[in-house]
N, C-alpha and C. Protein backbone atom coordinates (compact mmCIF):
# COMPACT_ATOMS: atom_id res chain seq x y z
N MET A 1 80.33 86.53 101.70
CA MET A 1 80.63 86.75 103.09
C MET A 1 81.70 87.84 103.21
N MET A 2 81.37 88.90 103.87
CA MET A 2 82.30 90.02 104.05
C MET A 2 83.04 89.85 105.36
N LYS A 3 84.36 89.62 105.26
CA LYS A 3 85.15 89.34 106.45
C LYS A 3 86.07 90.50 106.78
N ARG A 4 86.33 90.64 108.06
CA ARG A 4 87.28 91.63 108.54
C ARG A 4 88.62 91.37 107.86
N GLY A 5 89.25 92.42 107.33
CA GLY A 5 90.51 92.28 106.62
C GLY A 5 90.37 92.18 105.12
N ASP A 6 89.14 91.93 104.64
CA ASP A 6 88.91 91.92 103.19
C ASP A 6 89.12 93.33 102.63
N VAL A 7 89.63 93.39 101.41
CA VAL A 7 89.80 94.67 100.73
C VAL A 7 88.82 94.69 99.56
N TYR A 8 87.99 95.72 99.51
CA TYR A 8 87.02 95.92 98.44
C TYR A 8 87.30 97.25 97.75
N TRP A 9 86.99 97.31 96.46
CA TRP A 9 86.95 98.60 95.79
C TRP A 9 85.66 99.26 96.24
N VAL A 10 85.76 100.50 96.70
CA VAL A 10 84.62 101.22 97.27
C VAL A 10 84.49 102.58 96.59
N ASP A 11 83.27 102.93 96.21
CA ASP A 11 83.00 104.25 95.64
C ASP A 11 82.76 105.21 96.80
N LEU A 12 83.74 106.08 97.07
CA LEU A 12 83.65 107.00 98.20
C LEU A 12 83.05 108.35 97.84
N ASN A 13 82.60 108.52 96.60
CA ASN A 13 81.95 109.77 96.20
C ASN A 13 80.46 109.71 96.51
N PRO A 14 79.82 110.80 96.85
CA PRO A 14 80.41 112.13 96.98
C PRO A 14 81.14 112.28 98.31
N SER A 15 82.12 113.12 98.30
CA SER A 15 82.86 113.44 99.52
C SER A 15 82.83 114.94 99.70
N LYS A 16 83.25 115.38 100.88
CA LYS A 16 83.31 116.82 101.15
C LYS A 16 84.67 117.17 101.72
N GLY A 17 85.11 118.38 101.41
CA GLY A 17 86.34 118.91 102.00
C GLY A 17 87.53 117.99 101.82
N SER A 18 88.15 117.62 102.91
CA SER A 18 89.38 116.84 102.89
C SER A 18 89.16 115.33 102.94
N GLU A 19 87.90 114.88 102.82
CA GLU A 19 87.64 113.45 102.82
C GLU A 19 88.25 112.80 101.58
N ILE A 20 88.74 111.58 101.75
CA ILE A 20 89.23 110.82 100.59
C ILE A 20 88.06 110.55 99.67
N ASN A 21 88.30 110.70 98.37
CA ASN A 21 87.21 110.53 97.41
C ASN A 21 87.57 109.49 96.36
N LYS A 22 86.74 109.39 95.38
CA LYS A 22 86.79 108.49 94.22
C LYS A 22 86.72 107.03 94.62
N SER A 23 86.78 106.14 93.66
CA SER A 23 86.79 104.71 93.94
C SER A 23 88.20 104.30 94.30
N ARG A 24 88.32 103.59 95.41
CA ARG A 24 89.64 103.14 95.85
C ARG A 24 89.48 101.90 96.71
N PRO A 25 90.55 101.13 96.86
CA PRO A 25 90.47 99.96 97.72
C PRO A 25 90.37 100.40 99.19
N CYS A 26 89.53 99.70 99.92
CA CYS A 26 89.33 99.96 101.34
C CYS A 26 89.30 98.62 102.07
N VAL A 27 89.85 98.61 103.27
CA VAL A 27 89.87 97.39 104.07
C VAL A 27 88.74 97.44 105.08
N LEU A 28 88.01 96.31 105.20
CA LEU A 28 86.95 96.19 106.19
C LEU A 28 87.60 96.01 107.56
N VAL A 29 87.25 96.88 108.51
CA VAL A 29 87.85 96.80 109.85
C VAL A 29 86.84 96.44 110.92
N GLY A 30 85.57 96.35 110.58
CA GLY A 30 84.55 95.95 111.55
C GLY A 30 84.58 94.44 111.74
N ALA A 31 83.98 93.99 112.83
CA ALA A 31 83.89 92.56 113.14
C ALA A 31 83.09 91.84 112.06
N THR A 32 83.54 90.65 111.68
CA THR A 32 82.89 89.88 110.62
C THR A 32 81.39 89.68 110.86
N PRO A 33 80.94 89.28 112.07
CA PRO A 33 79.48 89.11 112.27
C PRO A 33 78.70 90.41 112.05
N ILE A 34 79.28 91.54 112.42
CA ILE A 34 78.61 92.82 112.21
C ILE A 34 78.58 93.15 110.72
N ASN A 35 79.69 92.88 110.01
CA ASN A 35 79.73 93.12 108.56
C ASN A 35 78.62 92.35 107.86
N GLN A 36 78.33 91.16 108.34
CA GLN A 36 77.32 90.33 107.70
C GLN A 36 75.90 90.74 108.08
N ALA A 37 75.73 91.26 109.30
CA ALA A 37 74.40 91.57 109.80
C ALA A 37 73.88 92.94 109.40
N ARG A 38 74.77 93.92 109.25
CA ARG A 38 74.35 95.29 109.00
C ARG A 38 74.36 95.63 107.51
N ARG A 39 73.71 96.73 107.16
CA ARG A 39 73.72 97.20 105.77
C ARG A 39 74.89 98.14 105.51
N THR A 40 75.64 98.44 106.57
CA THR A 40 76.84 99.26 106.43
C THR A 40 78.04 98.48 106.93
N VAL A 41 79.22 98.89 106.47
CA VAL A 41 80.48 98.32 106.95
C VAL A 41 81.42 99.48 107.28
N VAL A 42 82.36 99.22 108.18
CA VAL A 42 83.35 100.23 108.55
C VAL A 42 84.62 99.92 107.78
N VAL A 43 85.15 100.93 107.09
CA VAL A 43 86.31 100.74 106.22
C VAL A 43 87.39 101.77 106.51
N VAL A 44 88.61 101.40 106.13
CA VAL A 44 89.75 102.31 106.11
C VAL A 44 90.27 102.31 104.67
N PRO A 45 90.34 103.50 104.04
CA PRO A 45 90.82 103.56 102.66
C PRO A 45 92.33 103.28 102.56
N LEU A 46 92.73 102.75 101.42
CA LEU A 46 94.14 102.55 101.10
C LEU A 46 94.54 103.56 100.05
N SER A 47 95.80 104.02 100.13
CA SER A 47 96.27 105.04 99.21
C SER A 47 97.72 104.77 98.82
N THR A 48 98.01 104.99 97.54
CA THR A 48 99.41 104.91 97.10
C THR A 48 100.06 106.28 97.18
N ALA A 49 99.26 107.34 97.31
CA ALA A 49 99.79 108.70 97.32
C ALA A 49 100.15 109.18 98.72
N ALA A 50 99.46 108.67 99.74
CA ALA A 50 99.70 109.14 101.10
C ALA A 50 101.06 108.67 101.61
N LYS A 51 101.73 109.56 102.34
CA LYS A 51 103.00 109.20 102.96
C LYS A 51 102.71 108.44 104.25
N VAL A 52 103.53 107.46 104.54
CA VAL A 52 103.36 106.67 105.76
C VAL A 52 103.82 107.51 106.95
N ARG A 53 102.88 107.81 107.83
CA ARG A 53 103.14 108.60 109.04
C ARG A 53 102.31 108.04 110.18
N PRO A 54 102.80 106.96 110.80
CA PRO A 54 102.04 106.35 111.90
C PRO A 54 101.74 107.37 113.00
N PRO A 55 100.61 107.33 113.65
CA PRO A 55 99.55 106.35 113.47
C PRO A 55 98.50 106.75 112.43
N LEU A 56 98.62 107.95 111.83
CA LEU A 56 97.60 108.39 110.88
C LEU A 56 97.57 107.53 109.63
N THR A 57 98.72 107.20 109.10
CA THR A 57 98.81 106.33 107.93
C THR A 57 99.78 105.20 108.24
N ILE A 58 99.34 103.99 107.99
CA ILE A 58 100.09 102.78 108.33
C ILE A 58 100.48 102.06 107.04
N SER A 59 101.71 101.60 106.97
CA SER A 59 102.19 100.85 105.81
C SER A 59 101.63 99.43 105.84
N VAL A 60 100.99 99.02 104.73
CA VAL A 60 100.49 97.66 104.58
C VAL A 60 100.84 97.16 103.18
N ASP A 61 100.85 95.84 103.02
CA ASP A 61 101.10 95.24 101.72
C ASP A 61 99.78 94.90 101.08
N TYR A 62 99.54 95.43 99.88
CA TYR A 62 98.32 95.15 99.14
C TYR A 62 98.70 94.79 97.71
N LEU A 63 98.43 93.56 97.34
CA LEU A 63 98.74 93.04 96.01
C LEU A 63 100.21 93.23 95.65
N GLY A 64 101.07 93.00 96.62
CA GLY A 64 102.51 93.09 96.39
C GLY A 64 103.07 94.50 96.40
N LYS A 65 102.23 95.49 96.69
CA LYS A 65 102.67 96.88 96.75
C LYS A 65 102.59 97.38 98.19
N ASN A 66 103.52 98.25 98.53
CA ASN A 66 103.49 98.91 99.82
C ASN A 66 102.59 100.14 99.70
N VAL A 67 101.45 100.13 100.40
CA VAL A 67 100.50 101.23 100.34
C VAL A 67 100.23 101.73 101.76
N ALA A 68 99.53 102.84 101.87
CA ALA A 68 99.19 103.41 103.17
C ALA A 68 97.71 103.20 103.48
N ALA A 69 97.45 102.64 104.67
CA ALA A 69 96.09 102.59 105.19
C ALA A 69 95.88 103.89 105.95
N VAL A 70 94.88 104.66 105.55
CA VAL A 70 94.69 106.01 106.09
C VAL A 70 93.72 105.94 107.28
N CYS A 71 94.30 105.70 108.46
CA CYS A 71 93.51 105.44 109.67
C CYS A 71 92.61 106.59 110.09
N ASP A 72 93.01 107.83 109.82
CA ASP A 72 92.18 108.95 110.24
C ASP A 72 91.03 109.22 109.26
N GLN A 73 90.88 108.38 108.24
CA GLN A 73 89.76 108.50 107.29
C GLN A 73 88.79 107.32 107.44
N ILE A 74 88.80 106.68 108.59
CA ILE A 74 87.88 105.57 108.87
C ILE A 74 86.45 106.07 108.69
N ARG A 75 85.61 105.23 108.08
CA ARG A 75 84.21 105.63 107.90
C ARG A 75 83.30 104.44 107.68
N ALA A 76 82.04 104.65 107.98
CA ALA A 76 81.02 103.66 107.69
C ALA A 76 80.45 103.96 106.32
N VAL A 77 80.29 102.91 105.51
CA VAL A 77 79.71 103.08 104.17
C VAL A 77 78.63 102.05 103.97
N ASP A 78 77.63 102.42 103.19
CA ASP A 78 76.59 101.48 102.80
C ASP A 78 77.19 100.41 101.91
N LYS A 79 76.73 99.18 102.05
CA LYS A 79 77.28 98.08 101.24
C LYS A 79 77.10 98.30 99.75
N SER A 80 76.15 99.15 99.35
CA SER A 80 75.96 99.41 97.93
C SER A 80 77.16 100.14 97.32
N ARG A 81 78.00 100.74 98.16
CA ARG A 81 79.22 101.41 97.67
C ARG A 81 80.34 100.42 97.35
N LEU A 82 80.25 99.19 97.87
CA LEU A 82 81.28 98.18 97.62
C LEU A 82 81.09 97.62 96.22
N LYS A 83 82.19 97.64 95.44
CA LYS A 83 82.10 97.20 94.05
C LYS A 83 82.56 95.76 93.87
N ASN A 84 83.77 95.42 94.24
CA ASN A 84 84.21 94.05 94.10
C ASN A 84 85.34 93.75 95.09
N LEU A 85 85.40 92.49 95.48
CA LEU A 85 86.45 92.03 96.38
C LEU A 85 87.78 92.12 95.65
N ALA A 86 88.78 92.71 96.33
CA ALA A 86 90.05 92.96 95.67
C ALA A 86 91.24 92.37 96.43
N GLY A 87 90.98 91.59 97.46
CA GLY A 87 92.08 90.99 98.20
C GLY A 87 91.80 90.91 99.68
N HIS A 88 92.84 90.64 100.44
CA HIS A 88 92.73 90.49 101.89
C HIS A 88 94.07 90.88 102.51
N LEU A 89 94.04 91.62 103.61
CA LEU A 89 95.28 91.97 104.30
C LEU A 89 95.73 90.82 105.18
N SER A 90 97.03 90.69 105.35
CA SER A 90 97.60 89.64 106.20
C SER A 90 97.29 89.93 107.66
N THR A 91 97.45 88.92 108.49
CA THR A 91 97.26 89.07 109.93
C THR A 91 98.21 90.12 110.48
N GLN A 92 99.44 90.12 110.00
CA GLN A 92 100.44 91.09 110.45
C GLN A 92 100.03 92.52 110.08
N ASP A 93 99.56 92.72 108.86
CA ASP A 93 99.13 94.06 108.44
C ASP A 93 97.88 94.50 109.21
N MET A 94 96.96 93.56 109.47
CA MET A 94 95.77 93.92 110.26
C MET A 94 96.15 94.30 111.68
N SER A 95 97.15 93.65 112.23
CA SER A 95 97.61 93.98 113.57
C SER A 95 98.19 95.40 113.60
N ALA A 96 98.99 95.75 112.58
CA ALA A 96 99.55 97.10 112.49
C ALA A 96 98.43 98.13 112.30
N LEU A 97 97.45 97.79 111.49
CA LEU A 97 96.31 98.68 111.27
C LEU A 97 95.53 98.87 112.56
N ASP A 98 95.30 97.79 113.29
CA ASP A 98 94.61 97.87 114.58
C ASP A 98 95.35 98.80 115.54
N ASP A 99 96.68 98.69 115.58
CA ASP A 99 97.47 99.57 116.44
C ASP A 99 97.29 101.04 116.05
N GLY A 100 97.30 101.31 114.75
CA GLY A 100 97.09 102.67 114.28
C GLY A 100 95.71 103.19 114.65
N LEU A 101 94.69 102.36 114.48
CA LEU A 101 93.33 102.76 114.81
C LEU A 101 93.18 103.02 116.31
N ARG A 102 93.80 102.17 117.13
CA ARG A 102 93.74 102.37 118.58
C ARG A 102 94.33 103.73 118.95
N GLN A 103 95.42 104.12 118.32
CA GLN A 103 96.04 105.41 118.62
C GLN A 103 95.20 106.58 118.10
N VAL A 104 94.71 106.46 116.88
CA VAL A 104 93.91 107.55 116.29
C VAL A 104 92.61 107.74 117.07
N LEU A 105 92.00 106.64 117.50
CA LEU A 105 90.72 106.72 118.22
C LEU A 105 90.89 106.79 119.74
N VAL A 106 92.13 106.78 120.20
CA VAL A 106 92.47 106.84 121.62
C VAL A 106 91.76 105.72 122.39
N LEU A 107 91.96 104.51 121.90
CA LEU A 107 91.41 103.31 122.57
C LEU A 107 92.54 102.59 123.29
N GLN A 108 92.21 101.94 124.38
CA GLN A 108 93.23 101.21 125.15
C GLN A 108 93.53 99.88 124.53
């Protein structure tokens, strides 16, 4: 069961230009029922290299480390790109991520 807030290792290759690439942890940000029903999921990549600059990059805790959720790199990926479940973000971190996404996507 793929739930909103789950973190999976995702193979983001091939990528083009400035898109985040390689295999990296990504958080599922789509609604849980949609994640289960569709063959694609919407993810936000996590990065240890990106500097935290809200709303583009939001600080979250992943496996005891402070990492950046890269909100402006949100993308839909086929489930075949998901490799293994690697954790889950807290309610507080998901709330901060939601705020960042609302600003990046200009949602009310």
